[in-house]
Amino acid sequence: MARFTGKSIIVTGAASGIGRASAKLFAAEGASVIAADKAAGVNDTAADIVKAGGKAIALEMDAGSQADVQKLIDLALKTNGKLDVIYANAGISGGTPNIFEQTEDQWQNILRVNLIGPMLAIQLGAPHMIKQGKGAIVCTASVAGIRNGAGSPAYSASKAGVISLVSLAANQLAGTGVRVNGVAPGLIETGMTQPIFDRAREKGTDDKIGQLNALRRAGQPEEIAKVALFLASDDASYVNGQVLPVDGGLSSSLPIVPPKRG
């Protein structure tokens, strides 16, 4: 099934993890992808897509910079003549210190990339979609924006902001044909979370990773990518202003100590 044949699609944070998996899946379903990231690994993502027979161009840019986001939008329009989908996925973690340890500079940088970044994608990208009468924007939030304890203070606050941004943007774009939705990943094995997985494997406790969710495991980038693709596709034509948790059931309950088996 090629749900995105002929579609012009931007994916930010595409150098690794969820963004890379999403860019590859979009391309596999026929899209012409502009893969963007501050990290040089985004070039490898685009190269992998082209090697597999897909269409992709890489752009090294800062998702929290208005000038860079404008360059990204312009590149998509120049390359494909239109813009159908933006997956505003780029984000940074900022570590896990408590609120008394995280500095003002850390807060400003995390909010700039994680929250202002998706806002810029909407602000600069949506007008082109409005002209077409149709478009889809997907933003990466996090369970950290839904419940406490899943990230640093600034990261959690930024992702809570993304959840709010999705609902307000969807309503401000009412009647335009442009939908805005989000995905809220739980614990996913990506470059951002790799230290957690590495430490657990070193200690021999990797079987406990994800133990607080009902599936009792961590997720993989492709599992988030598939939901992002659904939200961007016509299969989700009546889904708007929503953020879907993809977390193994973590956000469906308060944290509990799992019962012992056997």
C-alpha atoms as a PDB file:
ATOM      1  CA  MET A   1       0.000   0.000   0.000  1.00  0.00           C
ATOM      2  CA  ALA A   2       1.467   3.363  -1.066  1.00  0.00           C
ATOM      3  CA  ARG A   3      -0.520   5.917   0.914  1.00  0.00           C
ATOM      4  CA  PHE A   4       1.866   8.777   0.121  1.00  0.00           C
ATOM      5  CA  THR A   5       2.556   8.388  -3.590  1.00  0.00           C
ATOM      6  CA  GLY A   6       3.250  11.827  -5.056  1.00  0.00           C
ATOM      7  CA  LYS A   7       3.222  13.492  -1.627  1.00  0.00           C
ATOM      8  CA  SER A   8       5.787  16.072  -0.525  1.00  0.00           C
ATOM      9  CA  ILE A   9       6.774  15.385   3.063  1.00  0.00           C
ATOM     10  CA  ILE A  10       9.134  16.957   5.603  1.00  0.00           C
ATOM     11  CA  VAL A  11      10.481  14.996   8.568  1.00  0.00           C
ATOM     12  CA  THR A  12      12.587  16.761  11.197  1.00  0.00           C
ATOM     13  CA  GLY A  13      14.846  14.937  13.615  1.00  0.00           C
ATOM     14  CA  ALA A  14      15.479  12.445  10.814  1.00  0.00           C
ATOM     15  CA  ALA A  15      19.114  11.629  11.581  1.00  0.00           C
ATOM     16  CA  SER A  16      18.208   8.786  13.918  1.00  0.00           C
ATOM     17  CA  GLY A  17      15.524   7.084  15.963  1.00  0.00           C
ATOM     18  CA  ILE A  18      11.887   7.908  15.337  1.00  0.00           C
ATOM     19  CA  GLY A  19      12.646  10.509  12.674  1.00  0.00           C
ATOM     20  CA  ARG A  20      14.838   8.178  10.632  1.00  0.00           C
ATOM     21  CA  ALA A  21      12.318   5.338  10.883  1.00  0.00           C
ATOM     22  CA  SER A  22       9.506   7.692   9.846  1.00  0.00           C
ATOM     23  CA  ALA A  23      11.399   9.152   6.888  1.00  0.00           C
ATOM     24  CA  LYS A  24      12.111   5.649   5.614  1.00  0.00           C
ATOM     25  CA  LEU A  25       8.498   4.540   6.024  1.00  0.00           C
ATOM     26  CA  PHE A  26       7.129   7.652   4.299  1.00  0.00           C
ATOM     27  CA  ALA A  27       9.491   7.035   1.383  1.00  0.00           C
ATOM     28  CA  ALA A  28       8.598   3.347   1.244  1.00  0.00           C
ATOM     29  CA  GLU A  29       4.977   4.409   0.790  1.00  0.00           C
ATOM     30  CA  GLY A  30       5.807   6.617  -2.175  1.00  0.00           C
ATOM     31  CA  ALA A  31       6.567  10.008  -0.642  1.00  0.00           C
ATOM     32  CA  SER A  32       9.245  12.450  -1.719  1.00  0.00           C
ATOM     33  CA  VAL A  33      10.926  13.133   1.614  1.00  0.00           C
ATOM     34  CA  ILE A  34      12.925  16.110   2.837  1.00  0.00           C
ATOM     35  CA  ALA A  35      14.850  14.654   5.793  1.00  0.00           C
ATOM     36  CA  ALA A  36      16.073  17.343   8.197  1.00  0.00           C
ATOM     37  CA  ASP A  37      18.235  17.331  11.296  1.00  0.00           C
ATOM     38  CA  LYS A  38      21.031  19.254  12.960  1.00  0.00           C
ATOM     39  CA  ALA A  39      23.125  16.063  13.018  1.00  0.00           C
ATOM     40  CA  ALA A  40      25.063  15.015   9.932  1.00  0.00           C
ATOM     41  CA  GLY A  41      23.544  11.536  10.191  1.00  0.00           C
ATOM     42  CA  VAL A  42      20.535  12.884   8.311  1.00  0.00           C
ATOM     43  CA  ASN A  43      22.582  12.485   5.136  1.00  0.00           C
ATOM     44  CA  ASP A  44      22.827   8.765   5.834  1.00  0.00           C
ATOM     45  CA  THR A  45      19.050   8.606   6.243  1.00  0.00           C
ATOM     46  CA  ALA A  46      18.500  10.181   2.839  1.00  0.00           C
ATOM     47  CA  ALA A  47      21.168   7.992   1.264  1.00  0.00           C
ATOM     48  CA  ASP A  48      19.543   4.835   2.670  1.00  0.00           C
ATOM     49  CA  ILE A  49      16.195   5.898   1.221  1.00  0.00           C
ATOM     50  CA  VAL A  50      17.639   6.562  -2.221  1.00  0.00           C
ATOM     51  CA  LYS A  51      19.563   3.277  -2.122  1.00  0.00           C
ATOM     52  CA  ALA A  52      16.279   1.484  -1.413  1.00  0.00           C
ATOM     53  CA  GLY A  53      14.714   3.116  -4.470  1.00  0.00           C
ATOM     54  CA  GLY A  54      12.928   5.961  -2.704  1.00  0.00           C
ATOM     55  CA  LYS A  55      13.061   9.737  -3.042  1.00  0.00           C
ATOM     56  CA  ALA A  56      14.799  11.837  -0.386  1.00  0.00           C
ATOM     57  CA  ILE A  57      16.937  14.931   0.090  1.00  0.00           C
ATOM     58  CA  ALA A  58      18.760  15.751   3.317  1.00  0.00           C
ATOM     59  CA  LEU A  59      19.091  19.167   4.933  1.00  0.00           C
ATOM     60  CA  GLU A  60      21.224  19.914   7.973  1.00  0.00           C
ATOM     61  CA  MET A  61      19.331  22.564   9.927  1.00  0.00           C
ATOM     62  CA  ASP A  62      18.187  23.700  13.361  1.00  0.00           C
ATOM     63  CA  ALA A  63      14.503  22.903  13.918  1.00  0.00           C
ATOM     64  CA  GLY A  64      14.265  25.703  16.495  1.00  0.00           C
ATOM     65  CA  SER A  65      15.514  28.416  14.126  1.00  0.00           C
ATOM     66  CA  GLN A  66      12.940  30.394  12.142  1.00  0.00           C
ATOM     67  CA  ALA A  67      15.422  31.027   9.337  1.00  0.00           C
ATOM     68  CA  ASP A  68      16.314  27.339   9.095  1.00  0.00           C
ATOM     69  CA  VAL A  69      12.691  26.190   9.155  1.00  0.00           C
ATOM     70  CA  GLN A  70      11.927  28.660   6.371  1.00  0.00           C
ATOM     71  CA  LYS A  71      14.816  27.198   4.336  1.00  0.00           C
ATOM     72  CA  LEU A  72      13.349  23.751   4.936  1.00  0.00           C
ATOM     73  CA  ILE A  73       9.893  24.765   3.743  1.00  0.00           C
ATOM     74  CA  ASP A  74      11.392  26.520   0.712  1.00  0.00           C
ATOM     75  CA  LEU A  75      13.413  23.409  -0.164  1.00  0.00           C
ATOM     76  CA  ALA A  76      10.323  21.223  -0.113  1.00  0.00           C
ATOM     77  CA  LEU A  77       8.445  23.671  -2.338  1.00  0.00           C
ATOM     78  CA  LYS A  78      11.376  24.038  -4.732  1.00  0.00           C
ATOM     79  CA  THR A  79      11.946  20.289  -4.937  1.00  0.00           C
ATOM     80  CA  ASN A  80       8.369  19.049  -5.095  1.00  0.00           C
ATOM     81  CA  GLY A  81       6.294  22.112  -5.961  1.00  0.00           C
ATOM     82  CA  LYS A  82       4.076  21.651  -2.911  1.00  0.00           C
ATOM     83  CA  LEU A  83       3.981  20.606   0.739  1.00  0.00           C
ATOM     84  CA  ASP A  84       1.549  17.931   1.899  1.00  0.00           C
ATOM     85  CA  VAL A  85       2.844  16.748   5.280  1.00  0.00           C
ATOM     86  CA  ILE A  86       5.167  17.964   8.011  1.00  0.00           C
ATOM     87  CA  TYR A  87       6.269  15.611  10.753  1.00  0.00           C
ATOM     88  CA  ALA A  88       7.741  17.979  13.374  1.00  0.00           C
ATOM     89  CA  ASN A  89       9.629  15.340  15.292  1.00  0.00           C
ATOM     90  CA  ALA A  90      12.948  16.979  16.251  1.00  0.00           C
ATOM     91  CA  GLY A  91      13.630  17.162  19.964  1.00  0.00           C
ATOM     92  CA  ILE A  92      16.321  17.155  22.648  1.00  0.00           C
ATOM     93  CA  SER A  93      16.199  15.683  26.150  1.00  0.00           C
ATOM     94  CA  GLY A  94      18.336  17.957  28.301  1.00  0.00           C
ATOM     95  CA  GLY A  95      19.195  15.228  30.787  1.00  0.00           C
ATOM     96  CA  THR A  96      17.285  14.426  33.978  1.00  0.00           C
ATOM     97  CA  PRO A  97      18.283  16.922  36.702  1.00  0.00           C
ATOM     98  CA  ASN A  98      15.664  18.238  39.084  1.00  0.00           C
ATOM     99  CA  ILE A  99      14.122  21.685  38.783  1.00  0.00           C
ATOM    100  CA  PHE A 100      16.779  23.201  41.055  1.00  0.00           C
ATOM    101  CA  GLU A 101      19.627  21.903  38.884  1.00  0.00           C
ATOM    102  CA  GLN A 102      18.417  22.706  35.379  1.00  0.00           C
ATOM    103  CA  THR A 103      19.715  26.088  34.233  1.00  0.00           C
ATOM    104  CA  GLU A 104      17.946  28.914  32.454  1.00  0.00           C
ATOM    105  CA  ASP A 105      20.040  28.257  29.348  1.00  0.00           C
ATOM    106  CA  GLN A 106      19.002  24.599  29.360  1.00  0.00           C
ATOM    107  CA  TRP A 107      15.342  25.563  29.676  1.00  0.00           C
ATOM    108  CA  GLN A 108      15.573  28.069  26.856  1.00  0.00           C
ATOM    109  CA  ASN A 109      17.306  25.658  24.495  1.00  0.00           C
ATOM    110  CA  ILE A 110      14.969  22.740  25.210  1.00  0.00           C
ATOM    111  CA  LEU A 111      11.864  24.898  24.817  1.00  0.00           C
ATOM    112  CA  ARG A 112      13.289  26.433  21.647  1.00  0.00           C
ATOM    113  CA  VAL A 113      13.803  23.095  19.916  1.00  0.00           C
ATOM    114  CA  ASN A 114      10.978  21.011  21.397  1.00  0.00           C
ATOM    115  CA  LEU A 115       8.160  23.562  21.464  1.00  0.00           C
ATOM    116  CA  ILE A 116       9.058  26.576  19.349  1.00  0.00           C
ATOM    117  CA  GLY A 117      10.288  24.180  16.659  1.00  0.00           C
ATOM    118  CA  PRO A 118       6.857  22.579  16.062  1.00  0.00           C
ATOM    119  CA  MET A 119       5.237  26.024  16.317  1.00  0.00           C
ATOM    120  CA  LEU A 120       7.504  27.302  13.525  1.00  0.00           C
ATOM    121  CA  ALA A 121       6.713  24.256  11.406  1.00  0.00           C
ATOM    122  CA  ILE A 122       3.009  25.011  11.743  1.00  0.00           C
ATOM    123  CA  GLN A 123       3.343  28.771  11.371  1.00  0.00           C
ATOM    124  CA  LEU A 124       5.526  28.606   8.261  1.00  0.00           C
ATOM    125  CA  GLY A 125       4.231  25.396   6.703  1.00  0.00           C
ATOM    126  CA  ALA A 126       0.466  25.560   7.178  1.00  0.00           C
ATOM    127  CA  PRO A 127      -0.124  28.590   4.888  1.00  0.00           C
ATOM    128  CA  HIS A 128       1.105  26.558   1.897  1.00  0.00           C
ATOM    129  CA  MET A 129      -1.224  23.720   2.832  1.00  0.00           C
ATOM    130  CA  ILE A 130      -4.120  26.142   3.213  1.00  0.00           C
ATOM    131  CA  LYS A 131      -3.616  27.250  -0.387  1.00  0.00           C
ATOM    132  CA  GLN A 132      -3.961  23.616  -1.441  1.00  0.00           C
ATOM    133  CA  GLY A 133      -7.028  23.149   0.752  1.00  0.00           C
ATOM    134  CA  LYS A 134      -5.487  20.123   2.434  1.00  0.00           C
ATOM    135  CA  GLY A 135      -2.509  19.076   4.533  1.00  0.00           C
ATOM    136  CA  ALA A 136      -1.419  17.252   7.663  1.00  0.00           C
ATOM    137  CA  ILE A 137       0.988  18.213  10.419  1.00  0.00           C
ATOM    138  CA  VAL A 138       2.111  15.730  13.054  1.00  0.00           C
ATOM    139  CA  CYS A 139       4.117  16.719  16.139  1.00  0.00           C
ATOM    140  CA  THR A 140       6.069  14.519  18.511  1.00  0.00           C
ATOM    141  CA  ALA A 141       5.029  15.069  22.118  1.00  0.00           C
ATOM    142  CA  SER A 142       5.780  12.551  24.894  1.00  0.00           C
ATOM    143  CA  VAL A 143       4.198  10.762  27.816  1.00  0.00           C
ATOM    144  CA  ALA A 144       6.456  13.114  29.795  1.00  0.00           C
ATOM    145  CA  GLY A 145       4.009  15.851  28.803  1.00  0.00           C
ATOM    146  CA  ILE A 146       1.080  13.823  30.138  1.00  0.00           C
ATOM    147  CA  ARG A 147       2.443  12.459  33.421  1.00  0.00           C
ATOM    148  CA  ASN A 148       5.250  13.432  35.771  1.00  0.00           C
ATOM    149  CA  GLY A 149       8.392  11.341  36.067  1.00  0.00           C
ATOM    150  CA  ALA A 150       9.220  10.565  32.435  1.00  0.00           C
ATOM    151  CA  GLY A 151      11.771  13.284  31.736  1.00  0.00           C
ATOM    152  CA  SER A 152      13.609  16.346  32.981  1.00  0.00           C
ATOM    153  CA  PRO A 153      11.539  19.362  34.113  1.00  0.00           C
ATOM    154  CA  ALA A 154      12.223  21.386  30.956  1.00  0.00           C
ATOM    155  CA  TYR A 155      11.675  18.408  28.652  1.00  0.00           C
ATOM    156  CA  SER A 156       8.382  17.523  30.343  1.00  0.00           C
ATOM    157  CA  ALA A 157       7.166  21.121  30.222  1.00  0.00           C
ATOM    158  CA  SER A 158       8.124  21.425  26.552  1.00  0.00           C
ATOM    159  CA  LYS A 159       6.206  18.278  25.638  1.00  0.00           C
ATOM    160  CA  ALA A 160       3.159  19.388  27.621  1.00  0.00           C
ATOM    161  CA  GLY A 161       3.368  22.535  25.508  1.00  0.00           C
ATOM    162  CA  VAL A 162       3.371  20.457  22.327  1.00  0.00           C
ATOM    163  CA  ILE A 163       0.165  18.731  23.441  1.00  0.00           C
ATOM    164  CA  SER A 164      -1.457  22.132  23.955  1.00  0.00           C
ATOM    165  CA  LEU A 165      -0.017  23.426  20.669  1.00  0.00           C
ATOM    166  CA  VAL A 166      -1.593  20.554  18.716  1.00  0.00           C
ATOM    167  CA  SER A 167      -5.095  21.266  20.003  1.00  0.00           C
ATOM    168  CA  LEU A 168      -4.924  25.042  19.609  1.00  0.00           C
ATOM    169  CA  ALA A 169      -3.372  24.849  16.127  1.00  0.00           C
ATOM    170  CA  ALA A 170      -6.002  22.393  14.932  1.00  0.00           C
ATOM    171  CA  ASN A 171      -8.725  24.793  16.021  1.00  0.00           C
ATOM    172  CA  GLN A 172      -7.037  27.896  14.643  1.00  0.00           C
ATOM    173  CA  LEU A 173      -6.846  26.082  11.304  1.00  0.00           C
ATOM    174  CA  ALA A 174     -10.523  25.165  11.408  1.00  0.00           C
ATOM    175  CA  GLY A 175     -12.141  25.049   7.994  1.00  0.00           C
ATOM    176  CA  THR A 176      -8.855  25.094   6.072  1.00  0.00           C
ATOM    177  CA  GLY A 177      -8.546  21.361   5.421  1.00  0.00           C
ATOM    178  CA  VAL A 178      -5.288  21.242   7.386  1.00  0.00           C
ATOM    179  CA  ARG A 179      -5.193  18.739  10.243  1.00  0.00           C
ATOM    180  CA  VAL A 180      -2.804  18.884  13.219  1.00  0.00           C
ATOM    181  CA  ASN A 181      -2.215  15.873  15.458  1.00  0.00           C
ATOM    182  CA  GLY A 182       0.510  14.482  17.673  1.00  0.00           C
ATOM    183  CA  VAL A 183       2.024  11.279  18.945  1.00  0.00           C
ATOM    184  CA  ALA A 184       3.222  10.845  22.533  1.00  0.00           C
ATOM    185  CA  PRO A 185       5.865   8.110  22.708  1.00  0.00           C
ATOM    186  CA  GLY A 186       6.662   6.229  25.874  1.00  0.00           C
ATOM    187  CA  LEU A 187      10.075   4.671  26.456  1.00  0.00           C
ATOM    188  CA  ILE A 188      11.506   4.085  22.989  1.00  0.00           C
ATOM    189  CA  GLU A 189      15.016   2.837  22.217  1.00  0.00           C
ATOM    190  CA  THR A 190      16.568   5.757  20.342  1.00  0.00           C
ATOM    191  CA  GLY A 191      19.802   7.723  20.425  1.00  0.00           C
ATOM    192  CA  MET A 192      18.248   9.997  23.041  1.00  0.00           C
ATOM    193  CA  THR A 193      17.405   7.158  25.419  1.00  0.00           C
ATOM    194  CA  GLN A 194      20.353   4.883  24.609  1.00  0.00           C
ATOM    195  CA  PRO A 195      22.177   5.586  27.908  1.00  0.00           C
ATOM    196  CA  ILE A 196      19.198   4.141  29.812  1.00  0.00           C
ATOM    197  CA  PHE A 197      19.329   0.944  27.801  1.00  0.00           C
ATOM    198  CA  ASP A 198      23.127   0.711  27.961  1.00  0.00           C
ATOM    199  CA  ARG A 199      23.176   1.080  31.751  1.00  0.00           C
ATOM    200  CA  ALA A 200      20.475  -1.562  32.169  1.00  0.00           C
ATOM    201  CA  ARG A 201      22.325  -4.010  29.936  1.00  0.00           C
ATOM    202  CA  GLU A 202      25.575  -3.415  31.790  1.00  0.00           C
ATOM    203  CA  LYS A 203      23.810  -4.208  35.075  1.00  0.00           C
ATOM    204  CA  GLY A 204      21.954  -7.174  33.616  1.00  0.00           C
ATOM    205  CA  THR A 205      18.604  -5.543  34.366  1.00  0.00           C
ATOM    206  CA  ASP A 206      17.448  -4.964  30.796  1.00  0.00           C
ATOM    207  CA  ASP A 207      14.499  -7.299  31.439  1.00  0.00           C
ATOM    208  CA  LYS A 208      13.104  -4.552  33.705  1.00  0.00           C
ATOM    209  CA  ILE A 209      13.078  -1.873  30.995  1.00  0.00           C
ATOM    210  CA  GLY A 210       9.481  -0.803  30.434  1.00  0.00           C
ATOM    211  CA  GLN A 211       8.213  -2.789  33.405  1.00  0.00           C
ATOM    212  CA  LEU A 212       5.755  -0.063  34.436  1.00  0.00           C
ATOM    213  CA  ASN A 213       3.656  -0.281  31.271  1.00  0.00           C
ATOM    214  CA  ALA A 214       1.097  -2.996  30.615  1.00  0.00           C
ATOM    215  CA  LEU A 215       3.126  -4.534  27.786  1.00  0.00           C
ATOM    216  CA  ARG A 216       6.178  -4.749  30.074  1.00  0.00           C
ATOM    217  CA  ARG A 217       8.658  -3.681  27.393  1.00  0.00           C
ATOM    218  CA  ALA A 218      10.179  -0.680  25.668  1.00  0.00           C
ATOM    219  CA  GLY A 219       9.098   0.357  22.199  1.00  0.00           C
ATOM    220  CA  GLN A 220      10.970   0.627  18.919  1.00  0.00           C
ATOM    221  CA  PRO A 221      11.159   3.692  16.639  1.00  0.00           C
ATOM    222  CA  GLU A 222       9.175   1.928  13.904  1.00  0.00           C
ATOM    223  CA  GLU A 223       6.226   1.520  16.277  1.00  0.00           C
ATOM    224  CA  ILE A 224       6.012   5.286  16.687  1.00  0.00           C
ATOM    225  CA  ALA A 225       6.648   5.900  12.992  1.00  0.00           C
ATOM    226  CA  LYS A 226       3.671   3.756  12.004  1.00  0.00           C
ATOM    227  CA  VAL A 227       1.342   5.852  14.177  1.00  0.00           C
ATOM    228  CA  ALA A 228       2.795   9.095  12.824  1.00  0.00           C
ATOM    229  CA  LEU A 229       2.200   7.838   9.283  1.00  0.00           C
ATOM    230  CA  PHE A 230      -1.378   6.941  10.144  1.00  0.00           C
ATOM    231  CA  LEU A 231      -2.040  10.428  11.513  1.00  0.00           C
ATOM    232  CA  ALA A 232      -0.513  12.006   8.397  1.00  0.00           C
ATOM    233  CA  SER A 233      -2.503   9.804   6.022  1.00  0.00           C
ATOM    234  CA  ASP A 234      -6.031   9.993   4.658  1.00  0.00           C
ATOM    235  CA  ASP A 235      -6.811   6.989   6.864  1.00  0.00           C
ATOM    236  CA  ALA A 236      -6.943   9.553   9.687  1.00  0.00           C
ATOM    237  CA  SER A 237      -9.006  12.080   7.717  1.00  0.00           C
ATOM    238  CA  TYR A 238     -11.408  12.616  10.654  1.00  0.00           C
ATOM    239  CA  VAL A 239      -8.712  12.743  13.354  1.00  0.00           C
ATOM    240  CA  ASN A 240      -7.783  16.291  14.310  1.00  0.00           C
ATOM    241  CA  GLY A 241      -6.386  18.067  17.358  1.00  0.00           C
ATOM    242  CA  GLN A 242      -5.473  14.798  19.066  1.00  0.00           C
ATOM    243  CA  VAL A 243      -2.292  13.454  20.650  1.00  0.00           C
ATOM    244  CA  LEU A 244      -2.121   9.657  20.696  1.00  0.00           C
ATOM    245  CA  PRO A 245      -0.029   8.004  23.423  1.00  0.00           C
ATOM    246  CA  VAL A 246       2.055   5.127  22.068  1.00  0.00           C
ATOM    247  CA  ASP A 247       3.531   3.887  25.305  1.00  0.00           C
ATOM    248  CA  GLY A 248       2.567   0.279  25.938  1.00  0.00           C
ATOM    249  CA  GLY A 249      -0.234   1.477  28.202  1.00  0.00           C
ATOM    250  CA  LEU A 250       1.923   3.514  30.587  1.00  0.00           C
ATOM    251  CA  SER A 251      -0.235   6.646  30.564  1.00  0.00           C
ATOM    252  CA  SER A 252      -3.431   4.639  31.064  1.00  0.00           C
ATOM    253  CA  SER A 253      -2.611   4.081  34.728  1.00  0.00           C
ATOM    254  CA  LEU A 254      -0.721   5.446  37.690  1.00  0.00           C
ATOM    255  CA  PRO A 255       2.693   3.759  38.093  1.00  0.00           C
ATOM    256  CA  ILE A 256       2.454   0.510  40.042  1.00  0.00           C
ATOM    257  CA  VAL A 257       4.859  -2.206  41.095  1.00  0.00           C
ATOM    258  CA  PRO A 258       4.257  -5.078  38.673  1.00  0.00           C
ATOM    259  CA  PRO A 259       2.962  -8.288  40.286  1.00  0.00           C
ATOM    260  CA  LYS A 260       5.388 -11.173  40.425  1.00  0.00           C
ATOM    261  CA  ARG A 261       4.770 -13.978  37.960  1.00  0.00           C
ATOM    262  CA  GLY A 262       5.343 -17.637  38.677  1.00  0.00           C
END
